[in-house]
Amino acid sequence: MADSNSQNDDKVINLQKAQINEANTIHDDDLLASEDALLGIGGGDASGATTATKQSSQTKFHIPTAIKEDYPELIPLILKTESMDDEEREYWFQILPIMTDDQVIKLKEILVNEKQQLAKLDADYEAELDKINEKHLNEWQAFEYEQERDEIKTKEASSEAAESSLEEDLLNKLDEL
């Protein structure tokens, strides 16, 4: 019983330490974000498109420095997941520093799995869309072919009628001679 209380006390102390560290990190992050904004620091290509996205993500969410250092691979996964709204993203950024390693691994597995499943769904959707487009293209080509064939038949019939009429006129003229 005493051992259980000791463990609970350790968890409370660890949680308090994490909260103190988080408060310090928030202050440090705010200073870093202010410095970055003033200096215009950011990554990305020459066009600056990636820089703008990163800066808006950084300013939209408070991402603790500890997360940036310890779990940089989780940041884009959390930012790009379709299963979270902005409140949930902020929650995960704030709770991540006090999560156990197993919990972090599980979160990463979930986010990676979701990303892979969505990519698979997108690929399946694109493949199905390609099939539908090909089917409609084939139908359209068959329709155009039928139209061309009908036009040719109409022209041939018209030409035969004109030829027949000309032939009859020539025979009539021959009979008059």
Protein backbone atom coordinates (compact mmCIF):
# COMPACT_ATOMS: atom_id res chain seq x y z
CA MET A 1 0.00 0.00 0.00
CA ALA A 2 2.80 2.36 0.92
CA ASP A 3 4.57 1.42 -2.31
CA SER A 4 1.46 2.32 -4.32
CA ASN A 5 1.20 5.73 -2.65
CA SER A 6 4.88 6.32 -3.35
CA GLN A 7 4.35 5.56 -7.04
CA ASN A 8 1.35 7.91 -7.19
CA ASP A 9 3.39 10.63 -5.50
CA ASP A 10 6.17 10.09 -8.07
CA LYS A 11 3.63 10.43 -10.90
CA VAL A 12 2.27 13.66 -9.40
CA ILE A 13 5.78 15.02 -8.99
CA ASN A 14 6.69 13.98 -12.55
CA LEU A 15 3.49 15.59 -13.86
CA GLN A 16 4.29 18.78 -11.96
CA LYS A 17 7.84 18.77 -13.35
CA ALA A 18 6.46 18.25 -16.84
CA GLN A 19 4.04 21.15 -16.35
CA ILE A 20 6.84 23.40 -15.10
CA ASN A 21 9.03 22.35 -18.02
CA GLU A 22 6.10 22.95 -20.36
CA ALA A 23 5.57 26.45 -18.93
CA ASN A 24 9.26 27.21 -19.48
CA THR A 25 9.08 25.70 -22.96
CA ILE A 26 6.03 27.82 -23.83
CA HIS A 27 7.95 30.94 -22.85
CA ASP A 28 11.00 29.79 -24.86
CA ASP A 29 8.82 28.91 -27.86
CA ASP A 30 7.10 32.29 -27.76
CA LEU A 31 10.48 34.00 -27.76
CA LEU A 32 11.70 31.80 -30.63
CA ALA A 33 8.52 32.42 -32.61
CA SER A 34 8.89 36.17 -32.06
CA GLU A 35 12.53 36.05 -33.16
CA ASP A 36 11.66 33.95 -36.20
CA ALA A 37 8.87 36.35 -37.17
CA LEU A 38 11.11 39.39 -36.81
CA LEU A 39 13.97 37.81 -38.72
CA GLY A 40 11.75 36.15 -41.33
CA ILE A 41 13.41 32.82 -40.68
CA GLY A 42 11.88 29.75 -42.30
CA GLY A 43 12.62 26.81 -44.54
CA GLY A 44 11.29 26.03 -47.94
CA ASP A 45 12.09 26.56 -51.56
CA ALA A 46 12.97 29.76 -53.37
CA SER A 47 9.32 30.60 -53.98
CA GLY A 48 8.65 30.74 -50.23
CA ALA A 49 5.50 28.58 -50.48
CA THR A 50 6.70 26.07 -47.92
CA THR A 51 7.94 28.85 -45.65
CA ALA A 52 4.49 30.44 -45.54
CA THR A 53 2.87 27.09 -44.74
CA LYS A 54 5.37 26.34 -41.98
CA GLN A 55 5.03 29.80 -40.49
CA SER A 56 1.24 29.65 -40.51
CA SER A 57 1.37 26.20 -38.87
CA GLN A 58 3.82 27.47 -36.30
CA THR A 59 1.70 30.49 -35.48
CA LYS A 60 -1.59 28.61 -35.60
CA PHE A 61 -0.43 25.95 -33.13
CA HIS A 62 1.83 26.18 -30.15
CA ILE A 63 4.40 23.45 -30.76
CA PRO A 64 6.73 23.12 -27.79
CA THR A 65 10.45 23.10 -28.47
CA ALA A 66 10.70 19.71 -26.75
CA ILE A 67 8.36 18.27 -29.39
CA LYS A 68 10.35 19.88 -32.19
CA GLU A 69 13.54 18.33 -30.81
CA ASP A 70 12.29 14.92 -29.62
CA TYR A 71 9.52 14.10 -32.10
CA PRO A 72 10.05 16.14 -35.30
CA GLU A 73 8.53 13.34 -37.41
CA LEU A 74 5.23 13.62 -35.52
CA ILE A 75 4.68 17.30 -36.28
CA PRO A 76 3.78 16.91 -39.98
CA LEU A 77 1.73 13.80 -39.19
CA ILE A 78 -0.34 15.71 -36.65
CA LEU A 79 -0.61 18.82 -38.83
CA LYS A 80 -1.74 16.90 -41.92
CA THR A 81 -4.05 14.31 -40.38
CA GLU A 82 -7.62 14.53 -41.59
CA SER A 83 -9.02 12.91 -38.45
CA MET A 84 -8.28 15.86 -36.15
CA ASP A 85 -9.59 19.37 -35.98
CA ASP A 86 -7.38 22.27 -34.85
CA GLU A 87 -8.38 21.92 -31.21
CA GLU A 88 -7.37 18.26 -31.20
CA ARG A 89 -4.08 19.08 -32.90
CA GLU A 90 -3.30 21.67 -30.24
CA TYR A 91 -4.27 19.15 -27.55
CA TRP A 92 -1.85 16.54 -28.93
CA PHE A 93 0.97 19.08 -29.17
CA GLN A 94 0.42 20.01 -25.52
CA ILE A 95 0.00 16.45 -24.18
CA LEU A 96 2.86 14.91 -26.17
CA PRO A 97 5.66 15.98 -23.77
CA ILE A 98 4.08 14.06 -20.87
CA MET A 99 3.18 10.94 -22.82
CA THR A 100 5.11 7.72 -22.30
CA ASP A 101 7.31 6.38 -25.08
CA ASP A 102 4.81 3.58 -25.72
CA GLN A 103 2.00 6.10 -26.06
CA VAL A 104 4.05 8.19 -28.48
CA ILE A 105 4.88 5.12 -30.53
CA LYS A 106 1.20 4.13 -30.61
CA LEU A 107 0.17 7.66 -31.67
CA LYS A 108 2.77 7.63 -34.44
CA GLU A 109 1.59 4.17 -35.60
CA ILE A 110 -2.01 5.39 -35.68
CA LEU A 111 -1.13 8.52 -37.67
CA VAL A 112 1.13 6.64 -40.11
CA ASN A 113 -1.54 3.95 -40.57
CA GLU A 114 -4.17 6.60 -41.23
CA LYS A 115 -1.89 8.30 -43.76
CA GLN A 116 -1.24 4.98 -45.53
CA GLN A 117 -4.93 4.03 -45.55
CA LEU A 118 -5.90 7.43 -46.97
CA ALA A 119 -3.18 7.15 -49.61
CA LYS A 120 -4.50 3.70 -50.53
CA LEU A 121 -8.06 5.04 -50.74
CA ASP A 122 -6.87 7.92 -52.92
CA ALA A 123 -5.04 5.49 -55.20
CA ASP A 124 -8.11 3.23 -55.42
CA TYR A 125 -10.30 6.25 -56.15
CA GLU A 126 -7.93 7.44 -58.88
CA ALA A 127 -7.83 3.95 -60.42
CA GLU A 128 -11.64 3.75 -60.41
CA LEU A 129 -11.87 7.24 -61.87
CA ASP A 130 -9.43 6.25 -64.61
CA LYS A 131 -11.57 3.19 -65.43
CA ILE A 132 -14.71 5.31 -65.61
CA ASN A 133 -12.97 7.90 -67.78
CA GLU A 134 -11.67 5.19 -70.10
CA LYS A 135 -15.13 3.64 -70.35
CA HIS A 136 -16.69 7.01 -71.21
CA LEU A 137 -13.91 7.73 -73.68
CA ASN A 138 -14.56 4.40 -75.41
CA GLU A 139 -18.30 5.11 -75.46
CA TRP A 140 -17.68 8.58 -76.90
CA GLN A 141 -15.34 7.20 -79.57
CA ALA A 142 -17.94 4.56 -80.50
CA PHE A 143 -20.59 7.30 -80.71
CA GLU A 144 -18.36 9.43 -82.96
CA TYR A 145 -17.62 6.40 -85.14
CA GLU A 146 -21.35 5.72 -85.54
CA GLN A 147 -21.96 9.35 -86.47
CA GLU A 148 -19.18 9.27 -89.08
CA ARG A 149 -20.56 6.02 -90.46
CA ASP A 150 -24.07 7.48 -90.68
CA GLU A 151 -22.72 10.59 -92.43
CA ILE A 152 -20.85 8.44 -94.94
CA LYS A 153 -23.96 6.34 -95.58
CA THR A 154 -26.03 9.48 -96.06
CA LYS A 155 -23.44 10.91 -98.47
CA GLU A 156 -23.27 7.60 -100.35
CA ALA A 157 -27.06 7.44 -100.61
CA SER A 158 -27.17 11.03 -101.80
CA SER A 159 -24.37 10.37 -104.26
CA GLU A 160 -26.07 7.22 -105.56
CA ALA A 161 -29.36 9.10 -105.95
CA ALA A 162 -27.60 11.88 -107.85
CA GLU A 163 -25.76 9.33 -110.00
CA SER A 164 -28.97 7.44 -110.67
CA SER A 165 -30.72 10.67 -111.63
CA LEU A 166 -27.85 11.64 -113.93
CA GLU A 167 -27.86 8.19 -115.47
CA GLU A 168 -31.58 8.39 -116.12
CA ASP A 169 -31.21 11.84 -117.70
CA LEU A 170 -28.44 10.56 -119.98
CA LEU A 171 -30.57 7.57 -121.03
CA ASN A 172 -33.49 9.86 -121.79
CA LYS A 173 -31.25 12.10 -123.93
CA LEU A 174 -29.94 9.04 -125.76
CA ASP A 175 -33.49 7.91 -126.43
CA GLU A 176 -34.33 11.32 -127.89
CA LEU A 177 -31.49 11.11 -130.33
